[in-house]
């Protein structure tokens, strides 16, 4: 017989002996136990939130801005002053930026409970648009964005918004037709 099998048999014999001894002691005491049935405690309306439950607590994305860096190019830059997400006690895995339903950036974390992305990493080319293309006759296109963060427990959060750009169209150069 193997040693682990012997140890488990000895353990079971000891456990059986303790159970029999407890039965003898409780029967000898002569005390009768009364079975009391009661109605269960009603459940609360909202489930209790554990103090250490993992969740992404915040994702900060200050108002986005759209700026025209150089006139007559039709290209604007959409940017934020920073992006920040925290998931303490879990770890931030990714933060992504989508502009007009197109993935533009993905930032990955490595065993960190928060993630900070500075403005230097947040400048994205977008079309400025013709005057009135975003609904305002004096401004250009209106671009929507989604910023998402996901943590190591599979939880996530998102911020949504939009930014309207100044109107600017690329300068068109017309060449006179060559005559024969």
N, C-alpha and C. Protein backbone atom coordinates (compact mmCIF):
# COMPACT_ATOMS: atom_id res chain seq x y z
N UNK A 1 0.84 -1.16 0.00
CA UNK A 1 0.00 0.00 0.00
C UNK A 1 0.90 1.24 0.00
N UNK A 2 0.54 2.24 -0.84
CA UNK A 2 1.38 3.43 -0.97
C UNK A 2 1.21 4.35 0.23
N UNK A 3 2.18 5.20 0.43
CA UNK A 3 2.18 6.11 1.57
C UNK A 3 1.02 7.10 1.52
N UNK A 4 0.72 7.74 0.38
CA UNK A 4 -0.41 8.66 0.36
C UNK A 4 -1.75 7.97 0.67
N UNK A 5 -1.91 6.72 0.23
CA UNK A 5 -3.15 6.00 0.51
C UNK A 5 -3.26 5.69 2.00
N UNK A 6 -2.13 5.30 2.63
CA UNK A 6 -2.13 5.05 4.08
C UNK A 6 -2.51 6.29 4.86
N UNK A 7 -1.92 7.43 4.46
CA UNK A 7 -2.19 8.69 5.18
C UNK A 7 -3.66 9.06 5.05
N UNK A 8 -4.23 8.89 3.87
CA UNK A 8 -5.64 9.25 3.70
C UNK A 8 -6.55 8.31 4.49
N UNK A 9 -6.22 7.01 4.61
CA UNK A 9 -7.02 6.09 5.41
C UNK A 9 -6.95 6.44 6.89
N UNK A 10 -5.77 6.79 7.36
CA UNK A 10 -5.60 7.19 8.76
C UNK A 10 -6.41 8.46 9.04
N UNK A 11 -6.36 9.41 8.12
CA UNK A 11 -7.10 10.66 8.28
C UNK A 11 -8.60 10.38 8.35
N UNK A 12 -9.11 9.51 7.48
CA UNK A 12 -10.54 9.17 7.48
C UNK A 12 -10.94 8.46 8.77
N UNK A 13 -10.08 7.59 9.31
CA UNK A 13 -10.37 6.89 10.55
C UNK A 13 -10.45 7.88 11.72
N UNK A 14 -9.54 8.84 11.73
CA UNK A 14 -9.55 9.86 12.78
C UNK A 14 -10.82 10.70 12.68
N UNK A 15 -11.19 11.10 11.48
CA UNK A 15 -12.39 11.90 11.27
C UNK A 15 -13.64 11.14 11.70
N UNK A 16 -13.73 9.85 11.37
CA UNK A 16 -14.88 9.02 11.76
C UNK A 16 -14.95 8.91 13.28
N UNK A 17 -13.81 8.73 13.93
CA UNK A 17 -13.78 8.65 15.39
C UNK A 17 -14.25 9.93 16.04
N UNK A 18 -13.84 11.08 15.49
CA UNK A 18 -14.28 12.37 16.05
C UNK A 18 -15.79 12.55 15.89
N UNK A 19 -16.32 12.14 14.75
CA UNK A 19 -17.76 12.27 14.54
C UNK A 19 -18.55 11.38 15.51
N UNK A 20 -18.07 10.15 15.74
CA UNK A 20 -18.76 9.26 16.69
C UNK A 20 -18.67 9.81 18.10
N UNK A 21 -17.52 10.35 18.47
CA UNK A 21 -17.36 10.91 19.81
C UNK A 21 -18.28 12.10 20.01
N UNK A 22 -18.44 12.92 19.00
CA UNK A 22 -19.33 14.08 19.10
C UNK A 22 -20.77 13.63 19.26
N UNK A 23 -21.15 12.58 18.54
CA UNK A 23 -22.52 12.04 18.66
C UNK A 23 -22.78 11.49 20.04
N UNK A 24 -21.81 10.79 20.62
CA UNK A 24 -21.97 10.22 21.96
C UNK A 24 -22.08 11.33 22.99
N UNK A 25 -21.24 12.36 22.86
CA UNK A 25 -21.26 13.46 23.83
C UNK A 25 -22.57 14.22 23.74
N UNK A 26 -23.05 14.49 22.55
CA UNK A 26 -24.30 15.25 22.43
C UNK A 26 -25.49 14.41 22.89
N UNK A 27 -25.48 13.08 22.71
CA UNK A 27 -26.58 12.23 23.18
C UNK A 27 -26.54 12.11 24.69
N UNK A 28 -25.34 12.06 25.28
CA UNK A 28 -25.20 11.92 26.73
C UNK A 28 -25.57 13.19 27.46
N UNK A 29 -25.49 14.30 26.81
CA UNK A 29 -25.78 15.55 27.50
C UNK A 29 -27.26 15.67 27.82
N UNK A 30 -28.10 14.92 27.10
CA UNK A 30 -29.52 14.92 27.41
C UNK A 30 -30.23 16.19 26.99
N UNK A 31 -29.58 17.00 26.30
CA UNK A 31 -30.19 18.25 25.87
C UNK A 31 -30.93 17.99 24.57
N UNK A 32 -32.11 18.51 24.52
CA UNK A 32 -32.87 18.42 23.30
C UNK A 32 -32.68 19.71 22.53
N UNK A 33 -32.50 19.55 21.24
CA UNK A 33 -32.37 20.73 20.40
C UNK A 33 -33.68 20.95 19.68
N UNK A 34 -34.08 22.17 19.60
CA UNK A 34 -35.34 22.53 18.97
C UNK A 34 -35.04 23.14 17.61
N UNK A 35 -35.74 22.68 16.60
CA UNK A 35 -35.57 23.20 15.26
C UNK A 35 -36.44 24.44 15.12
N UNK A 36 -35.81 25.56 14.84
CA UNK A 36 -36.53 26.83 14.72
C UNK A 36 -36.54 27.22 13.26
N UNK A 37 -37.72 27.37 12.72
CA UNK A 37 -37.86 27.82 11.34
C UNK A 37 -38.22 29.30 11.36
N UNK A 38 -37.54 30.06 10.55
CA UNK A 38 -37.83 31.49 10.47
C UNK A 38 -37.85 31.90 9.01
N UNK A 39 -38.46 33.02 8.76
CA UNK A 39 -38.48 33.52 7.39
C UNK A 39 -37.12 34.12 7.07
N UNK A 40 -36.64 33.91 5.85
CA UNK A 40 -35.33 34.46 5.50
C UNK A 40 -35.38 35.98 5.42
N UNK A 41 -34.23 36.57 5.62
CA UNK A 41 -34.10 38.02 5.53
C UNK A 41 -34.30 38.45 4.08
N UNK A 42 -35.12 39.47 3.83
CA UNK A 42 -35.34 39.89 2.43
C UNK A 42 -34.06 40.47 1.84
N UNK A 43 -33.92 40.28 0.54
CA UNK A 43 -32.75 40.79 -0.16
C UNK A 43 -32.87 42.29 -0.38
N UNK A 44 -31.74 43.01 -0.40
CA UNK A 44 -31.80 44.45 -0.67
C UNK A 44 -32.16 44.70 -2.14
N UNK A 45 -32.63 45.93 -2.42
CA UNK A 45 -32.97 46.30 -3.79
C UNK A 45 -31.76 46.28 -4.70
N UNK A 46 -30.64 46.75 -4.21
CA UNK A 46 -29.41 46.80 -4.99
C UNK A 46 -28.41 45.83 -4.38
N UNK A 47 -27.64 45.10 -5.21
CA UNK A 47 -26.63 44.21 -4.63
C UNK A 47 -25.55 45.02 -3.92
N UNK A 48 -25.03 44.43 -2.87
CA UNK A 48 -23.98 45.10 -2.11
C UNK A 48 -22.70 45.15 -2.95
N UNK A 49 -22.00 46.26 -2.86
CA UNK A 49 -20.74 46.41 -3.56
C UNK A 49 -19.63 46.14 -2.55
N UNK A 50 -18.81 45.17 -2.87
CA UNK A 50 -17.71 44.84 -1.97
C UNK A 50 -16.68 45.97 -2.01
N UNK A 51 -16.05 46.20 -0.87
CA UNK A 51 -15.10 47.31 -0.81
C UNK A 51 -13.90 47.07 -1.70
N UNK A 52 -13.50 45.84 -1.92
CA UNK A 52 -12.34 45.57 -2.76
C UNK A 52 -12.71 45.08 -4.14
N UNK A 53 -13.95 45.31 -4.56
CA UNK A 53 -14.36 44.80 -5.86
C UNK A 53 -13.64 45.54 -6.97
N UNK A 54 -13.17 44.81 -7.96
CA UNK A 54 -12.43 45.47 -9.04
C UNK A 54 -13.37 46.19 -10.00
N UNK A 55 -13.06 47.43 -10.29
CA UNK A 55 -13.81 48.17 -11.28
C UNK A 55 -12.96 49.34 -11.75
N UNK A 56 -13.19 49.73 -12.99
CA UNK A 56 -12.51 50.92 -13.47
C UNK A 56 -13.26 52.09 -12.86
N UNK A 57 -12.58 52.85 -12.03
CA UNK A 57 -13.28 53.90 -11.31
C UNK A 57 -13.46 55.15 -12.15
N UNK A 58 -12.46 55.54 -12.92
CA UNK A 58 -12.62 56.75 -13.73
C UNK A 58 -11.83 56.64 -15.01
N UNK A 59 -12.27 57.37 -15.99
CA UNK A 59 -11.48 57.62 -17.18
C UNK A 59 -11.65 59.11 -17.44
N UNK A 60 -10.59 59.84 -17.39
CA UNK A 60 -10.63 61.29 -17.60
C UNK A 60 -10.16 61.61 -19.00
N UNK A 61 -10.95 62.40 -19.69
CA UNK A 61 -10.53 62.91 -21.00
C UNK A 61 -11.06 64.33 -21.10
N UNK A 62 -10.25 65.31 -20.71
CA UNK A 62 -10.71 66.69 -20.80
C UNK A 62 -11.19 67.00 -22.22
N UNK A 63 -11.97 68.01 -22.35
CA UNK A 63 -12.58 68.35 -23.63
C UNK A 63 -11.58 68.34 -24.77
N UNK A 64 -11.97 67.64 -25.83
CA UNK A 64 -11.11 67.58 -27.01
C UNK A 64 -11.16 68.91 -27.75
N UNK A 65 -10.07 69.22 -28.43
CA UNK A 65 -10.04 70.43 -29.24
C UNK A 65 -9.57 70.07 -30.64
N UNK A 66 -9.99 70.87 -31.59
CA UNK A 66 -9.59 70.66 -32.97
C UNK A 66 -8.97 71.98 -33.43
N UNK A 67 -7.72 71.92 -33.85
CA UNK A 67 -7.00 73.14 -34.23
C UNK A 67 -6.47 73.03 -35.66
N UNK A 68 -6.40 74.16 -36.29
CA UNK A 68 -5.85 74.27 -37.64
C UNK A 68 -4.40 74.72 -37.50
N UNK A 69 -3.47 73.86 -37.87
CA UNK A 69 -2.06 74.20 -37.73
C UNK A 69 -1.55 75.05 -38.88
N UNK A 70 -2.06 74.79 -40.08
CA UNK A 70 -1.58 75.52 -41.25
C UNK A 70 -2.75 75.75 -42.20
N UNK A 71 -3.01 77.01 -42.50
CA UNK A 71 -4.15 77.37 -43.34
C UNK A 71 -4.00 76.84 -44.76
N UNK A 72 -5.11 76.66 -45.40
CA UNK A 72 -5.21 76.23 -46.79
C UNK A 72 -4.69 74.81 -47.03
N UNK A 73 -4.66 73.98 -45.99
CA UNK A 73 -4.26 72.58 -46.15
C UNK A 73 -5.45 71.65 -46.02
N UNK A 74 -6.49 72.08 -45.32
CA UNK A 74 -7.65 71.23 -45.07
C UNK A 74 -7.42 70.20 -43.98
N UNK A 75 -6.25 70.27 -43.31
CA UNK A 75 -5.90 69.31 -42.27
C UNK A 75 -5.90 70.00 -40.91
N UNK A 76 -6.68 69.44 -39.98
CA UNK A 76 -6.71 69.92 -38.60
C UNK A 76 -6.14 68.83 -37.70
N UNK A 77 -5.87 69.19 -36.46
CA UNK A 77 -5.39 68.24 -35.47
C UNK A 77 -6.38 68.19 -34.32
N UNK A 78 -6.86 66.98 -34.02
CA UNK A 78 -7.73 66.77 -32.87
C UNK A 78 -6.86 66.30 -31.72
N UNK A 79 -7.00 66.92 -30.55
CA UNK A 79 -6.10 66.62 -29.44
C UNK A 79 -6.81 66.80 -28.10
N UNK A 80 -6.21 66.26 -27.06
CA UNK A 80 -6.63 66.44 -25.67
C UNK A 80 -5.41 66.88 -24.88
N UNK A 81 -5.63 67.51 -23.72
CA UNK A 81 -4.48 67.90 -22.91
C UNK A 81 -3.86 66.68 -22.23
N UNK A 82 -4.67 65.63 -21.96
CA UNK A 82 -4.18 64.35 -21.44
C UNK A 82 -5.35 63.37 -21.41
N UNK A 83 -5.05 62.09 -21.24
CA UNK A 83 -6.03 61.04 -20.98
C UNK A 83 -5.56 60.29 -19.74
N UNK A 84 -6.50 59.90 -18.88
CA UNK A 84 -6.13 59.23 -17.64
C UNK A 84 -7.21 58.21 -17.28
N UNK A 85 -6.79 57.01 -16.90
CA UNK A 85 -7.73 55.98 -16.42
C UNK A 85 -7.10 55.27 -15.24
N UNK A 86 -7.96 54.83 -14.31
CA UNK A 86 -7.48 54.09 -13.15
C UNK A 86 -8.39 52.90 -12.91
N UNK A 87 -7.83 51.80 -12.40
CA UNK A 87 -8.60 50.58 -12.15
C UNK A 87 -8.15 49.90 -10.87
N UNK A 88 -7.68 50.63 -9.91
CA UNK A 88 -7.16 50.08 -8.67
C UNK A 88 -8.24 49.24 -7.98
N UNK A 89 -8.04 48.02 -7.60
CA UNK A 89 -6.82 47.27 -7.42
C UNK A 89 -6.41 46.45 -8.65
N UNK A 90 -7.18 46.50 -9.72
CA UNK A 90 -6.82 45.77 -10.94
C UNK A 90 -5.78 46.56 -11.72
N UNK A 91 -5.39 46.02 -12.88
CA UNK A 91 -4.41 46.69 -13.73
C UNK A 91 -5.06 47.15 -15.02
N UNK A 92 -4.66 48.32 -15.50
CA UNK A 92 -5.12 48.80 -16.79
C UNK A 92 -4.38 48.02 -17.87
N UNK A 93 -5.14 47.45 -18.81
CA UNK A 93 -4.54 46.68 -19.89
C UNK A 93 -4.38 47.55 -21.13
N UNK A 94 -5.47 48.21 -21.55
CA UNK A 94 -5.41 49.05 -22.75
C UNK A 94 -6.27 50.29 -22.60
N UNK A 95 -5.89 51.31 -23.37
CA UNK A 95 -6.72 52.49 -23.57
C UNK A 95 -6.68 52.75 -25.07
N UNK A 96 -7.85 52.95 -25.68
CA UNK A 96 -7.91 53.16 -27.12
C UNK A 96 -8.64 54.46 -27.45
N UNK A 97 -8.31 55.03 -28.60
CA UNK A 97 -8.94 56.25 -29.10
C UNK A 97 -9.51 55.94 -30.47
N UNK A 98 -10.81 56.22 -30.64
CA UNK A 98 -11.48 56.11 -31.93
C UNK A 98 -12.00 57.48 -32.31
N UNK A 99 -11.80 57.85 -33.57
CA UNK A 99 -12.34 59.10 -34.08
C UNK A 99 -13.18 58.75 -35.30
N UNK A 100 -14.43 59.16 -35.29
CA UNK A 100 -15.38 58.85 -36.37
C UNK A 100 -15.39 57.35 -36.67
N UNK A 101 -15.50 56.53 -35.61
CA UNK A 101 -15.58 55.07 -35.71
C UNK A 101 -14.36 54.43 -36.35
N UNK A 102 -13.22 55.10 -36.33
CA UNK A 102 -11.98 54.55 -36.86
C UNK A 102 -10.94 54.53 -35.74
N UNK A 103 -10.36 53.35 -35.49
CA UNK A 103 -9.33 53.23 -34.44
C UNK A 103 -8.12 54.09 -34.82
N UNK A 104 -7.71 54.95 -33.90
CA UNK A 104 -6.59 55.85 -34.18
C UNK A 104 -5.40 55.60 -33.28
N UNK A 105 -5.61 55.07 -32.06
CA UNK A 105 -4.49 54.82 -31.15
C UNK A 105 -4.86 53.74 -30.15
N UNK A 106 -3.81 53.01 -29.72
CA UNK A 106 -3.98 51.99 -28.68
C UNK A 106 -2.77 52.08 -27.76
N UNK A 107 -3.03 52.31 -26.49
CA UNK A 107 -1.97 52.40 -25.49
C UNK A 107 -2.10 51.20 -24.57
N UNK A 108 -1.01 50.51 -24.29
CA UNK A 108 -1.04 49.30 -23.48
C UNK A 108 -0.35 49.53 -22.15
N UNK A 109 -0.90 48.92 -21.11
CA UNK A 109 -0.32 49.01 -19.78
C UNK A 109 0.38 47.73 -19.40
N UNK A 110 1.20 47.78 -18.38
CA UNK A 110 1.92 46.62 -17.90
C UNK A 110 1.98 46.69 -16.38
N UNK A 111 1.13 45.94 -15.71
CA UNK A 111 1.05 45.88 -14.25
C UNK A 111 1.01 47.26 -13.61
N UNK A 112 0.12 48.10 -14.12
CA UNK A 112 -0.04 49.43 -13.54
C UNK A 112 -1.53 49.65 -13.25
N UNK A 113 -1.83 50.25 -12.11
CA UNK A 113 -3.22 50.46 -11.72
C UNK A 113 -3.82 51.71 -12.35
N UNK A 114 -2.98 52.54 -12.96
CA UNK A 114 -3.49 53.72 -13.66
C UNK A 114 -2.64 53.96 -14.92
N UNK A 115 -3.23 54.71 -15.84
CA UNK A 115 -2.53 55.01 -17.09
C UNK A 115 -2.73 56.49 -17.41
N UNK A 116 -1.64 57.16 -17.72
CA UNK A 116 -1.65 58.58 -18.08
C UNK A 116 -1.03 58.70 -19.47
N UNK A 117 -1.74 59.34 -20.39
CA UNK A 117 -1.22 59.57 -21.75
C UNK A 117 -1.11 61.09 -21.92
N UNK A 118 0.10 61.62 -22.11
CA UNK A 118 0.27 63.07 -22.22
C UNK A 118 -0.17 63.60 -23.59
N UNK A 119 -0.32 64.91 -23.68
CA UNK A 119 -0.80 65.56 -24.91
C UNK A 119 0.12 65.32 -26.10
N UNK A 120 1.40 65.12 -25.85
CA UNK A 120 2.35 64.90 -26.95
C UNK A 120 2.03 63.62 -27.74
N UNK A 121 1.28 62.71 -27.14
CA UNK A 121 0.92 61.45 -27.79
C UNK A 121 -0.51 61.47 -28.30
N UNK A 122 -1.13 62.64 -28.33
CA UNK A 122 -2.56 62.73 -28.64
C UNK A 122 -2.88 63.74 -29.72
N UNK A 123 -2.18 63.78 -30.80
CA UNK A 123 -2.49 64.69 -31.91
C UNK A 123 -2.83 63.84 -33.13
N UNK A 124 -4.08 63.94 -33.60
CA UNK A 124 -4.56 63.10 -34.70
C UNK A 124 -5.03 63.97 -35.86
N UNK A 125 -4.57 63.65 -37.08
CA UNK A 125 -5.02 64.37 -38.28
C UNK A 125 -6.48 64.07 -38.54
N UNK A 126 -7.26 65.12 -38.79
CA UNK A 126 -8.65 64.99 -39.22
C UNK A 126 -8.91 66.04 -40.29
N UNK A 127 -9.95 65.84 -41.08
CA UNK A 127 -10.33 66.84 -42.08
C UNK A 127 -10.98 68.03 -41.39
N UNK A 128 -10.59 69.23 -41.79
CA UNK A 128 -11.20 70.43 -41.23
C UNK A 128 -12.63 70.59 -41.76
N UNK A 129 -12.78 70.48 -43.04
CA UNK A 129 -14.10 70.60 -43.64
C UNK A 129 -14.40 72.00 -44.13
N UNK A 130 -15.33 72.07 -45.06
CA UNK A 130 -15.77 73.35 -45.61
C UNK A 130 -16.64 74.08 -44.60
N UNK A 131 -16.77 75.39 -44.74
CA UNK A 131 -17.66 76.13 -43.83
C UNK A 131 -19.07 75.55 -43.88
N UNK A 132 -19.63 75.28 -42.68
CA UNK A 132 -20.99 74.75 -42.58
C UNK A 132 -21.09 73.24 -42.65
N UNK A 133 -20.00 72.52 -42.90
CA UNK A 133 -20.08 71.05 -43.05
C UNK A 133 -20.41 70.34 -41.74
N UNK A 134 -20.23 70.99 -40.60
CA UNK A 134 -20.55 70.39 -39.31
C UNK A 134 -21.82 70.92 -38.69
N UNK A 135 -22.56 71.75 -39.44
CA UNK A 135 -23.81 72.29 -38.92
C UNK A 135 -23.74 73.77 -38.57
N UNK A 136 -22.59 74.26 -38.21
CA UNK A 136 -22.41 75.69 -37.91
C UNK A 136 -21.86 76.35 -39.17
N UNK A 137 -22.50 77.42 -39.66
CA UNK A 137 -22.06 78.03 -40.92
C UNK A 137 -20.66 78.65 -40.86
N UNK A 138 -20.15 78.91 -39.65
CA UNK A 138 -18.83 79.53 -39.52
C UNK A 138 -17.72 78.53 -39.23
N UNK A 139 -18.07 77.26 -38.97
CA UNK A 139 -17.07 76.26 -38.61
C UNK A 139 -17.09 75.09 -39.59
N UNK A 140 -16.15 74.17 -39.41
CA UNK A 140 -16.00 73.02 -40.30
C UNK A 140 -16.70 71.78 -39.78
N UNK A 141 -16.06 70.63 -39.99
CA UNK A 141 -16.66 69.33 -39.65
C UNK A 141 -16.70 69.08 -38.15
N UNK A 142 -17.69 68.28 -37.74
CA UNK A 142 -17.84 67.85 -36.36
C UNK A 142 -17.40 66.39 -36.28
N UNK A 143 -16.35 66.10 -35.50
CA UNK A 143 -15.81 64.74 -35.39
C UNK A 143 -16.17 64.16 -34.03
N UNK A 144 -16.73 62.93 -34.03
CA UNK A 144 -17.05 62.25 -32.77
C UNK A 144 -15.89 61.34 -32.37
N UNK A 145 -15.77 61.12 -31.06
CA UNK A 145 -14.69 60.27 -30.57
C UNK A 145 -15.19 59.36 -29.46
N UNK A 146 -14.48 58.25 -29.27
CA UNK A 146 -14.73 57.32 -28.17
C UNK A 146 -13.38 56.94 -27.58
N UNK A 147 -13.27 57.07 -26.27
CA UNK A 147 -12.06 56.66 -25.55
C UNK A 147 -12.46 55.52 -24.64
N UNK A 148 -11.81 54.38 -24.79
CA UNK A 148 -12.15 53.20 -24.00
C UNK A 148 -10.93 52.73 -23.20
N UNK A 149 -11.21 52.19 -22.00
CA UNK A 149 -10.17 51.59 -21.17
C UNK A 149 -10.67 50.22 -20.71
N UNK A 150 -9.74 49.25 -20.64
CA UNK A 150 -10.08 47.89 -20.20
C UNK A 150 -9.06 47.46 -19.16
N UNK A 151 -9.55 46.74 -18.11
CA UNK A 151 -8.64 46.33 -17.04
C UNK A 151 -8.40 44.82 -17.06
N UNK A 152 -7.57 44.35 -16.15
CA UNK A 152 -7.16 42.95 -16.11
C UNK A 152 -8.29 42.02 -15.69
N UNK A 153 -9.37 42.54 -15.12
CA UNK A 153 -10.52 41.71 -14.75
C UNK A 153 -11.56 41.66 -15.87
N UNK A 154 -11.25 42.27 -17.01
CA UNK A 154 -12.17 42.25 -18.14
C UNK A 154 -13.21 43.34 -18.10
N UNK A 155 -13.13 44.22 -17.13
CA UNK A 155 -14.08 45.33 -17.03
C UNK A 155 -13.60 46.48 -17.89
N UNK A 156 -14.51 47.33 -18.31
CA UNK A 156 -14.13 48.46 -19.14
C UNK A 156 -15.04 49.65 -18.94
N UNK A 157 -14.61 50.76 -19.47
CA UNK A 157 -15.39 51.98 -19.42
C UNK A 157 -15.08 52.78 -20.68
N UNK A 158 -15.92 53.76 -20.96
CA UNK A 158 -15.71 54.57 -22.16
C UNK A 158 -16.20 55.99 -21.94
N UNK A 159 -15.57 56.92 -22.62
CA UNK A 159 -16.02 58.32 -22.68
C UNK A 159 -16.31 58.64 -24.14
N UNK A 160 -17.37 59.38 -24.35
CA UNK A 160 -17.80 59.74 -25.70
C UNK A 160 -17.88 61.26 -25.79
N UNK A 161 -17.66 61.79 -26.98
CA UNK A 161 -17.79 63.22 -27.17
C UNK A 161 -17.58 63.58 -28.62
N UNK A 162 -17.50 64.88 -28.86
CA UNK A 162 -17.24 65.36 -30.21
C UNK A 162 -16.51 66.69 -30.13
N UNK A 163 -15.87 67.02 -31.24
CA UNK A 163 -15.15 68.30 -31.35
C UNK A 163 -15.41 68.84 -32.75
N UNK A 164 -15.67 70.12 -32.82
CA UNK A 164 -15.92 70.75 -34.11
C UNK A 164 -14.66 71.51 -34.53
N UNK A 165 -14.30 71.38 -35.78
CA UNK A 165 -13.05 71.96 -36.29
C UNK A 165 -13.30 73.30 -36.97
N UNK A 166 -12.26 74.12 -37.05
CA UNK A 166 -12.39 75.35 -37.83
C UNK A 166 -12.51 74.99 -39.31
N UNK A 167 -13.20 75.82 -40.04
CA UNK A 167 -13.37 75.56 -41.48
C UNK A 167 -12.06 75.88 -42.22
N UNK A 168 -11.68 74.99 -43.10
CA UNK A 168 -10.50 75.20 -43.94
C UNK A 168 -10.54 74.18 -45.07
N UNK A 169 -10.30 74.66 -46.24
CA UNK A 169 -10.24 73.78 -47.40
C UNK A 169 -8.88 73.96 -48.06
N UNK A 170 -8.37 72.90 -48.65
CA UNK A 170 -7.08 73.05 -49.34
C UNK A 170 -7.21 74.02 -50.51
N UNK A 171 -6.18 74.79 -50.70
CA UNK A 171 -6.18 75.76 -51.80
C UNK A 171 -6.09 75.00 -53.11
N UNK A 172 -6.95 75.34 -53.99
CA UNK A 172 -6.96 74.68 -55.29
C UNK A 172 -6.24 75.60 -56.28
N UNK A 173 -5.35 75.00 -57.00
CA UNK A 173 -4.60 75.77 -57.99
C UNK A 173 -5.18 75.43 -59.37
N UNK A 174 -5.59 76.45 -60.06
CA UNK A 174 -6.14 76.25 -61.42
C UNK A 174 -5.11 76.72 -62.42
N UNK A 175 -4.78 75.87 -63.34
CA UNK A 175 -3.82 76.23 -64.38
C UNK A 175 -4.59 76.57 -65.66
N UNK A 176 -4.21 77.64 -66.27
CA UNK A 176 -4.91 77.97 -67.53
C UNK A 176 -4.67 76.87 -68.55
N UNK A 177 -5.64 76.67 -69.34
CA UNK A 177 -5.53 75.62 -70.37
C UNK A 177 -4.49 76.04 -71.41
N UNK A 178 -3.71 75.10 -71.79
CA UNK A 178 -2.71 75.37 -72.82
C UNK A 178 -3.40 75.45 -74.18
N UNK A 179 -3.06 76.42 -74.94
CA UNK A 179 -3.68 76.56 -76.26
C UNK A 179 -2.72 76.12 -77.33
N UNK A 180 -3.24 75.57 -78.41
CA UNK A 180 -2.41 75.12 -79.52
C UNK A 180 -2.23 76.21 -80.53
